[in-house]
N, C-alpha and C. Protein backbone atom coordinates (compact mmCIF):
# COMPACT_ATOMS: atom_id res chain seq x y z
N UNK A 1 1.85 -2.37 -11.31
CA UNK A 1 2.35 -3.70 -11.10
C UNK A 1 1.22 -4.67 -11.41
N UNK A 2 1.50 -5.76 -12.11
CA UNK A 2 0.47 -6.72 -12.50
C UNK A 2 1.08 -8.12 -12.49
N UNK A 3 0.51 -9.01 -11.67
CA UNK A 3 0.98 -10.39 -11.61
C UNK A 3 -0.21 -11.31 -11.41
N UNK A 4 -0.24 -12.40 -12.15
CA UNK A 4 -1.29 -13.40 -12.04
C UNK A 4 -2.69 -12.80 -12.22
N UNK A 5 -2.77 -11.79 -13.09
CA UNK A 5 -4.05 -11.16 -13.37
C UNK A 5 -4.52 -10.18 -12.32
N UNK A 6 -3.69 -9.93 -11.31
CA UNK A 6 -4.03 -8.97 -10.26
C UNK A 6 -3.23 -7.70 -10.48
N UNK A 7 -3.96 -6.58 -10.60
CA UNK A 7 -3.30 -5.27 -10.76
C UNK A 7 -3.18 -4.63 -9.39
N UNK A 8 -2.03 -4.06 -9.10
CA UNK A 8 -1.77 -3.36 -7.85
C UNK A 8 -1.59 -1.89 -8.14
N UNK A 9 -2.36 -1.06 -7.46
CA UNK A 9 -2.19 0.38 -7.58
C UNK A 9 -2.03 0.99 -6.20
N UNK A 10 -1.42 2.13 -6.16
CA UNK A 10 -1.22 2.87 -4.91
C UNK A 10 -2.16 4.07 -4.95
N UNK A 11 -3.28 3.96 -4.24
CA UNK A 11 -4.26 5.04 -4.22
C UNK A 11 -4.88 5.30 -5.58
N UNK A 12 -4.96 4.30 -6.43
CA UNK A 12 -5.59 4.44 -7.74
C UNK A 12 -4.65 4.66 -8.90
N UNK A 13 -3.37 4.90 -8.64
CA UNK A 13 -2.42 5.07 -9.74
C UNK A 13 -1.27 4.09 -9.56
N UNK A 14 -0.59 3.83 -10.66
CA UNK A 14 0.51 2.88 -10.61
C UNK A 14 1.60 3.40 -9.69
N UNK A 15 2.05 2.58 -8.73
CA UNK A 15 3.08 3.04 -7.80
C UNK A 15 4.44 3.16 -8.47
N UNK A 16 5.14 4.24 -8.13
CA UNK A 16 6.49 4.40 -8.66
C UNK A 16 7.48 3.58 -7.83
N UNK A 17 7.11 3.32 -6.58
CA UNK A 17 7.94 2.50 -5.70
C UNK A 17 6.99 1.63 -4.90
N UNK A 18 6.94 0.35 -5.19
CA UNK A 18 5.95 -0.52 -4.54
C UNK A 18 6.54 -1.29 -3.37
N UNK A 19 7.55 -0.74 -2.74
CA UNK A 19 8.15 -1.38 -1.57
C UNK A 19 7.67 -0.68 -0.30
N UNK A 20 7.39 -1.48 0.72
CA UNK A 20 7.07 -0.94 2.03
C UNK A 20 8.34 -1.04 2.85
N UNK A 21 8.83 0.09 3.33
CA UNK A 21 10.09 0.12 4.05
C UNK A 21 9.83 0.31 5.54
N UNK A 22 10.54 -0.43 6.37
CA UNK A 22 10.44 -0.30 7.82
C UNK A 22 11.81 0.04 8.37
N UNK A 23 11.86 1.02 9.27
CA UNK A 23 13.13 1.35 9.89
C UNK A 23 13.38 0.44 11.09
N UNK A 24 14.46 0.67 11.81
CA UNK A 24 14.84 -0.21 12.93
C UNK A 24 13.84 -0.17 14.09
N UNK A 25 13.00 0.87 14.14
CA UNK A 25 11.98 0.96 15.19
C UNK A 25 10.65 0.37 14.77
N UNK A 26 10.56 -0.12 13.52
CA UNK A 26 9.31 -0.69 13.02
C UNK A 26 8.40 0.33 12.37
N UNK A 27 8.88 1.57 12.22
CA UNK A 27 8.09 2.60 11.55
C UNK A 27 8.12 2.31 10.06
N UNK A 28 6.97 2.35 9.42
CA UNK A 28 6.90 1.99 8.01
C UNK A 28 6.53 3.15 7.13
N UNK A 29 6.70 2.95 5.85
CA UNK A 29 6.33 3.95 4.86
C UNK A 29 6.71 3.47 3.48
N UNK A 30 6.40 4.28 2.49
CA UNK A 30 6.71 3.93 1.10
C UNK A 30 7.71 4.93 0.57
N UNK A 31 8.81 4.44 0.05
CA UNK A 31 9.83 5.31 -0.53
C UNK A 31 10.33 6.32 0.48
N UNK A 32 10.49 7.56 0.03
CA UNK A 32 11.01 8.59 0.92
C UNK A 32 9.90 9.34 1.65
N UNK A 33 8.62 9.05 1.35
CA UNK A 33 7.50 9.75 1.99
C UNK A 33 6.93 8.91 3.11
N UNK A 34 7.51 9.02 4.30
CA UNK A 34 7.05 8.25 5.45
C UNK A 34 6.05 9.02 6.30
N UNK A 35 5.63 10.23 5.88
CA UNK A 35 4.80 11.07 6.71
C UNK A 35 3.32 10.71 6.64
N UNK A 36 2.89 9.94 5.66
CA UNK A 36 1.48 9.61 5.52
C UNK A 36 1.30 8.13 5.25
N UNK A 37 0.11 7.64 5.50
CA UNK A 37 -0.20 6.26 5.19
C UNK A 37 -0.52 6.09 3.71
N UNK A 38 -0.63 4.86 3.28
CA UNK A 38 -0.89 4.57 1.88
C UNK A 38 -1.94 3.48 1.76
N UNK A 39 -2.73 3.56 0.69
CA UNK A 39 -3.76 2.57 0.41
C UNK A 39 -3.35 1.83 -0.86
N UNK A 40 -3.18 0.52 -0.75
CA UNK A 40 -2.88 -0.32 -1.91
C UNK A 40 -4.18 -0.97 -2.36
N UNK A 41 -4.50 -0.85 -3.66
CA UNK A 41 -5.73 -1.41 -4.21
C UNK A 41 -5.36 -2.55 -5.14
N UNK A 42 -5.96 -3.71 -4.90
CA UNK A 42 -5.76 -4.90 -5.73
C UNK A 42 -7.02 -5.09 -6.57
N UNK A 43 -6.85 -5.29 -7.89
CA UNK A 43 -7.98 -5.46 -8.80
C UNK A 43 -7.77 -6.69 -9.66
N UNK A 44 -8.85 -7.49 -9.78
CA UNK A 44 -8.81 -8.66 -10.67
C UNK A 44 -10.23 -8.96 -11.13
N UNK A 45 -10.40 -9.07 -12.44
CA UNK A 45 -11.70 -9.38 -13.05
C UNK A 45 -12.81 -8.46 -12.54
N UNK A 46 -12.50 -7.19 -12.36
CA UNK A 46 -13.50 -6.23 -11.93
C UNK A 46 -13.73 -6.17 -10.43
N UNK A 47 -13.13 -7.06 -9.67
CA UNK A 47 -13.26 -7.05 -8.21
C UNK A 47 -12.09 -6.27 -7.61
N UNK A 48 -12.39 -5.49 -6.57
CA UNK A 48 -11.36 -4.69 -5.92
C UNK A 48 -11.32 -5.00 -4.43
N UNK A 49 -10.11 -4.93 -3.88
CA UNK A 49 -9.90 -5.03 -2.45
C UNK A 49 -8.70 -4.15 -2.13
N UNK A 50 -8.57 -3.76 -0.89
CA UNK A 50 -7.46 -2.88 -0.56
C UNK A 50 -6.93 -3.16 0.84
N UNK A 51 -5.70 -2.73 1.05
CA UNK A 51 -5.09 -2.75 2.37
C UNK A 51 -4.49 -1.38 2.62
N UNK A 52 -4.37 -1.02 3.87
CA UNK A 52 -3.83 0.28 4.25
C UNK A 52 -2.56 0.06 5.05
N UNK A 53 -1.56 0.87 4.78
CA UNK A 53 -0.31 0.84 5.54
C UNK A 53 -0.14 2.22 6.16
N UNK A 54 -0.18 2.29 7.48
CA UNK A 54 -0.05 3.57 8.16
C UNK A 54 1.42 3.99 8.20
N UNK A 55 1.64 5.25 8.57
CA UNK A 55 3.02 5.74 8.67
C UNK A 55 3.76 5.07 9.80
N UNK A 56 3.03 4.37 10.68
CA UNK A 56 3.66 3.64 11.78
C UNK A 56 3.94 2.18 11.43
N UNK A 57 3.59 1.77 10.21
CA UNK A 57 3.85 0.41 9.77
C UNK A 57 2.71 -0.55 10.01
N UNK A 58 1.57 -0.06 10.53
CA UNK A 58 0.41 -0.91 10.77
C UNK A 58 -0.26 -1.23 9.44
N UNK A 59 -0.49 -2.51 9.19
CA UNK A 59 -1.17 -2.94 7.98
C UNK A 59 -2.57 -3.36 8.37
N UNK A 60 -3.59 -2.75 7.75
CA UNK A 60 -4.99 -3.01 8.11
C UNK A 60 -5.84 -3.10 6.86
N UNK A 61 -6.99 -3.78 6.99
CA UNK A 61 -7.93 -3.89 5.88
C UNK A 61 -8.79 -2.64 5.74
N UNK A 62 -8.94 -1.86 6.79
CA UNK A 62 -9.73 -0.64 6.72
C UNK A 62 -8.85 0.55 7.11
N UNK A 63 -9.04 1.66 6.44
CA UNK A 63 -8.21 2.85 6.69
C UNK A 63 -8.90 3.77 7.68
N UNK A 64 -8.11 4.40 8.53
CA UNK A 64 -8.62 5.37 9.45
C UNK A 64 -9.45 4.83 10.58
N UNK A 65 -9.38 3.56 10.82
CA UNK A 65 -10.19 2.94 11.88
C UNK A 65 -9.35 2.68 13.08
């Protein structure tokens, strides 16, 4: 995915499904694989930043913390 010069990857590769899904209890995940968290990496002009989405739907700037 690429918009406004920012490339979005899921763990370093292009995501096949870039939607974050939440169920009625607030549990989150990507696509049909809700068992693990995911790291989204944003890149622009050589700079990188990332966010982590846990299997519980928590969105954080650092993973595993």
